[in-house]
Amino acid sequence: MGMLLTSATAGSGAGIVMVVYVVLIGAFVYFMMIRPQKKEQKRMSAMVSSMEIGDSVLTNSGFYGIIIDITDDTIIVEFGNNKNCRIPMQKTAIAQVEKANAE
């Protein structure tokens, strides 16, 4: 009888340890991967919604330009000094925005 009792409690102790490990790994994944990604998505959506005509932008490809027109999901960015290079882009292609009146 005593042998059955000790093996049953050892099994339940291992199960509790396993549950604790799963919870710890889940918390680690949430705080190291999911939470920062959601925070970055909120930052990007706030930046995209605050864009205005005349703002200076940096694209994901590394080009600097000035916003000259904004539609629902695209913007037209002017590159260079000759005013001839105007490219429509998706709003998600913008990495940084510098406000025109932030001087």
C-alpha atoms as a PDB file:
ATOM      1  CA  MET A   1       0.000   0.000   0.000  1.00  0.00           C
ATOM      2  CA  GLY A   2       2.794   2.406   0.898  1.00  0.00           C
ATOM      3  CA  MET A   3       4.537   1.775  -2.433  1.00  0.00           C
ATOM      4  CA  LEU A   4       1.445   2.708  -4.461  1.00  0.00           C
ATOM      5  CA  LEU A   5       0.968   5.904  -2.480  1.00  0.00           C
ATOM      6  CA  THR A   6       4.526   7.168  -3.051  1.00  0.00           C
ATOM      7  CA  SER A   7       4.496   6.449  -6.793  1.00  0.00           C
ATOM      8  CA  ALA A   8       1.155   8.258  -7.188  1.00  0.00           C
ATOM      9  CA  THR A   9       2.426  11.380  -5.413  1.00  0.00           C
ATOM     10  CA  ALA A  10       5.663  11.355  -7.426  1.00  0.00           C
ATOM     11  CA  GLY A  11       3.658  11.240 -10.643  1.00  0.00           C
ATOM     12  CA  SER A  12       1.473  14.155  -9.656  1.00  0.00           C
ATOM     13  CA  GLY A  13       4.533  16.167  -8.585  1.00  0.00           C
ATOM     14  CA  ALA A  14       6.100  15.663 -12.011  1.00  0.00           C
ATOM     15  CA  GLY A  15       2.830  16.741 -13.627  1.00  0.00           C
ATOM     16  CA  ILE A  16       2.783  19.945 -11.583  1.00  0.00           C
ATOM     17  CA  VAL A  17       6.394  20.683 -12.560  1.00  0.00           C
ATOM     18  CA  MET A  18       5.504  20.111 -16.217  1.00  0.00           C
ATOM     19  CA  VAL A  19       2.557  22.523 -15.977  1.00  0.00           C
ATOM     20  CA  VAL A  20       4.793  25.147 -14.332  1.00  0.00           C
ATOM     21  CA  TYR A  21       7.358  24.785 -17.143  1.00  0.00           C
ATOM     22  CA  VAL A  22       4.680  25.171 -19.812  1.00  0.00           C
ATOM     23  CA  VAL A  23       3.306  28.292 -18.099  1.00  0.00           C
ATOM     24  CA  LEU A  24       6.802  29.792 -17.762  1.00  0.00           C
ATOM     25  CA  ILE A  25       7.634  29.113 -21.402  1.00  0.00           C
ATOM     26  CA  GLY A  26       4.294  30.605 -22.489  1.00  0.00           C
ATOM     27  CA  ALA A  27       4.936  33.739 -20.409  1.00  0.00           C
ATOM     28  CA  PHE A  28       8.453  34.032 -21.851  1.00  0.00           C
ATOM     29  CA  VAL A  29       7.157  33.794 -25.418  1.00  0.00           C
ATOM     30  CA  TYR A  30       4.466  36.398 -24.708  1.00  0.00           C
ATOM     31  CA  PHE A  31       6.799  38.955 -23.122  1.00  0.00           C
ATOM     32  CA  MET A  32       9.698  38.451 -25.534  1.00  0.00           C
ATOM     33  CA  MET A  33       7.868  38.061 -28.848  1.00  0.00           C
ATOM     34  CA  ILE A  34       4.152  38.814 -28.934  1.00  0.00           C
ATOM     35  CA  ARG A  35       3.995  41.906 -26.706  1.00  0.00           C
ATOM     36  CA  PRO A  36       6.846  43.827 -28.433  1.00  0.00           C
ATOM     37  CA  GLN A  37       5.372  43.007 -31.836  1.00  0.00           C
ATOM     38  CA  LYS A  38       1.963  44.404 -30.844  1.00  0.00           C
ATOM     39  CA  LYS A  39       3.653  47.507 -29.412  1.00  0.00           C
ATOM     40  CA  GLU A  40       5.525  48.053 -32.690  1.00  0.00           C
ATOM     41  CA  GLN A  41       2.312  47.616 -34.707  1.00  0.00           C
ATOM     42  CA  LYS A  42       0.588  50.270 -32.585  1.00  0.00           C
ATOM     43  CA  ARG A  43       3.549  52.638 -33.071  1.00  0.00           C
ATOM     44  CA  MET A  44       3.536  52.098 -36.836  1.00  0.00           C
ATOM     45  CA  SER A  45      -0.227  52.627 -37.159  1.00  0.00           C
ATOM     46  CA  ALA A  46       0.009  55.834 -35.114  1.00  0.00           C
ATOM     47  CA  MET A  47       2.876  57.061 -37.325  1.00  0.00           C
ATOM     48  CA  VAL A  48       1.015  56.220 -40.538  1.00  0.00           C
ATOM     49  CA  SER A  49      -2.160  57.942 -39.368  1.00  0.00           C
ATOM     50  CA  SER A  50      -0.255  61.101 -38.413  1.00  0.00           C
ATOM     51  CA  MET A  51       1.380  61.582 -41.842  1.00  0.00           C
ATOM     52  CA  GLU A  52       0.567  64.864 -43.601  1.00  0.00           C
ATOM     53  CA  ILE A  53       1.448  66.473 -46.899  1.00  0.00           C
ATOM     54  CA  GLY A  54       4.853  68.144 -46.664  1.00  0.00           C
ATOM     55  CA  ASP A  55       6.295  65.724 -44.104  1.00  0.00           C
ATOM     56  CA  SER A  56       9.740  64.294 -44.761  1.00  0.00           C
ATOM     57  CA  VAL A  57       9.783  60.488 -44.792  1.00  0.00           C
ATOM     58  CA  LEU A  58      12.326  57.691 -44.835  1.00  0.00           C
ATOM     59  CA  THR A  59      11.228  54.621 -46.785  1.00  0.00           C
ATOM     60  CA  ASN A  60      12.048  51.041 -45.843  1.00  0.00           C
ATOM     61  CA  SER A  61      14.460  50.948 -48.788  1.00  0.00           C
ATOM     62  CA  GLY A  62      16.447  53.889 -47.367  1.00  0.00           C
ATOM     63  CA  PHE A  63      15.259  56.759 -49.585  1.00  0.00           C
ATOM     64  CA  TYR A  64      14.353  60.168 -48.159  1.00  0.00           C
ATOM     65  CA  GLY A  65      11.470  62.063 -49.714  1.00  0.00           C
ATOM     66  CA  ILE A  66       8.639  64.522 -49.170  1.00  0.00           C
ATOM     67  CA  ILE A  67       4.950  63.547 -49.125  1.00  0.00           C
ATOM     68  CA  ILE A  68       3.041  65.423 -51.818  1.00  0.00           C
ATOM     69  CA  ASP A  69      -0.277  63.506 -51.791  1.00  0.00           C
ATOM     70  CA  ILE A  70      -2.071  61.031 -49.510  1.00  0.00           C
ATOM     71  CA  THR A  71      -4.921  58.653 -50.364  1.00  0.00           C
ATOM     72  CA  ASP A  72      -6.509  55.869 -48.304  1.00  0.00           C
ATOM     73  CA  ASP A  73      -3.664  53.342 -48.405  1.00  0.00           C
ATOM     74  CA  THR A  74      -1.062  54.976 -50.656  1.00  0.00           C
ATOM     75  CA  ILE A  75       1.023  58.114 -50.640  1.00  0.00           C
ATOM     76  CA  ILE A  76       2.950  59.895 -53.379  1.00  0.00           C
ATOM     77  CA  VAL A  77       6.495  60.709 -52.357  1.00  0.00           C
ATOM     78  CA  GLU A  78       8.760  63.134 -54.195  1.00  0.00           C
ATOM     79  CA  PHE A  79      12.458  62.262 -54.255  1.00  0.00           C
ATOM     80  CA  GLY A  80      15.399  64.496 -55.145  1.00  0.00           C
ATOM     81  CA  ASN A  81      15.753  68.180 -55.881  1.00  0.00           C
ATOM     82  CA  ASN A  82      14.566  68.202 -59.493  1.00  0.00           C
ATOM     83  CA  LYS A  83      10.882  67.601 -58.524  1.00  0.00           C
ATOM     84  CA  ASN A  84      10.513  65.054 -61.345  1.00  0.00           C
ATOM     85  CA  CYS A  85      10.755  61.840 -59.348  1.00  0.00           C
ATOM     86  CA  ARG A  86       7.334  61.194 -57.811  1.00  0.00           C
ATOM     87  CA  ILE A  87       6.574  57.636 -56.775  1.00  0.00           C
ATOM     88  CA  PRO A  88       3.332  56.228 -55.358  1.00  0.00           C
ATOM     89  CA  MET A  89       3.985  53.952 -52.371  1.00  0.00           C
ATOM     90  CA  GLN A  90       2.006  52.015 -49.820  1.00  0.00           C
ATOM     91  CA  LYS A  91       1.827  53.660 -46.419  1.00  0.00           C
ATOM     92  CA  THR A  92       3.384  50.563 -44.881  1.00  0.00           C
ATOM     93  CA  ALA A  93       6.591  51.210 -46.868  1.00  0.00           C
ATOM     94  CA  ILE A  94       7.428  54.195 -44.638  1.00  0.00           C
ATOM     95  CA  ALA A  95       9.958  53.606 -41.855  1.00  0.00           C
ATOM     96  CA  GLN A  96      10.116  57.102 -40.291  1.00  0.00           C
ATOM     97  CA  VAL A  97       8.247  60.383 -40.523  1.00  0.00           C
ATOM     98  CA  GLU A  98       9.705  63.785 -39.703  1.00  0.00           C
ATOM     99  CA  LYS A  99       7.110  66.532 -39.376  1.00  0.00           C
ATOM    100  CA  ALA A 100       7.539  69.561 -41.614  1.00  0.00           C
ATOM    101  CA  ASN A 101       6.790  72.029 -38.795  1.00  0.00           C
ATOM    102  CA  ALA A 102       9.120  70.404 -36.212  1.00  0.00           C
ATOM    103  CA  GLU A 103      11.855  73.004 -36.544  1.00  0.00           C
END
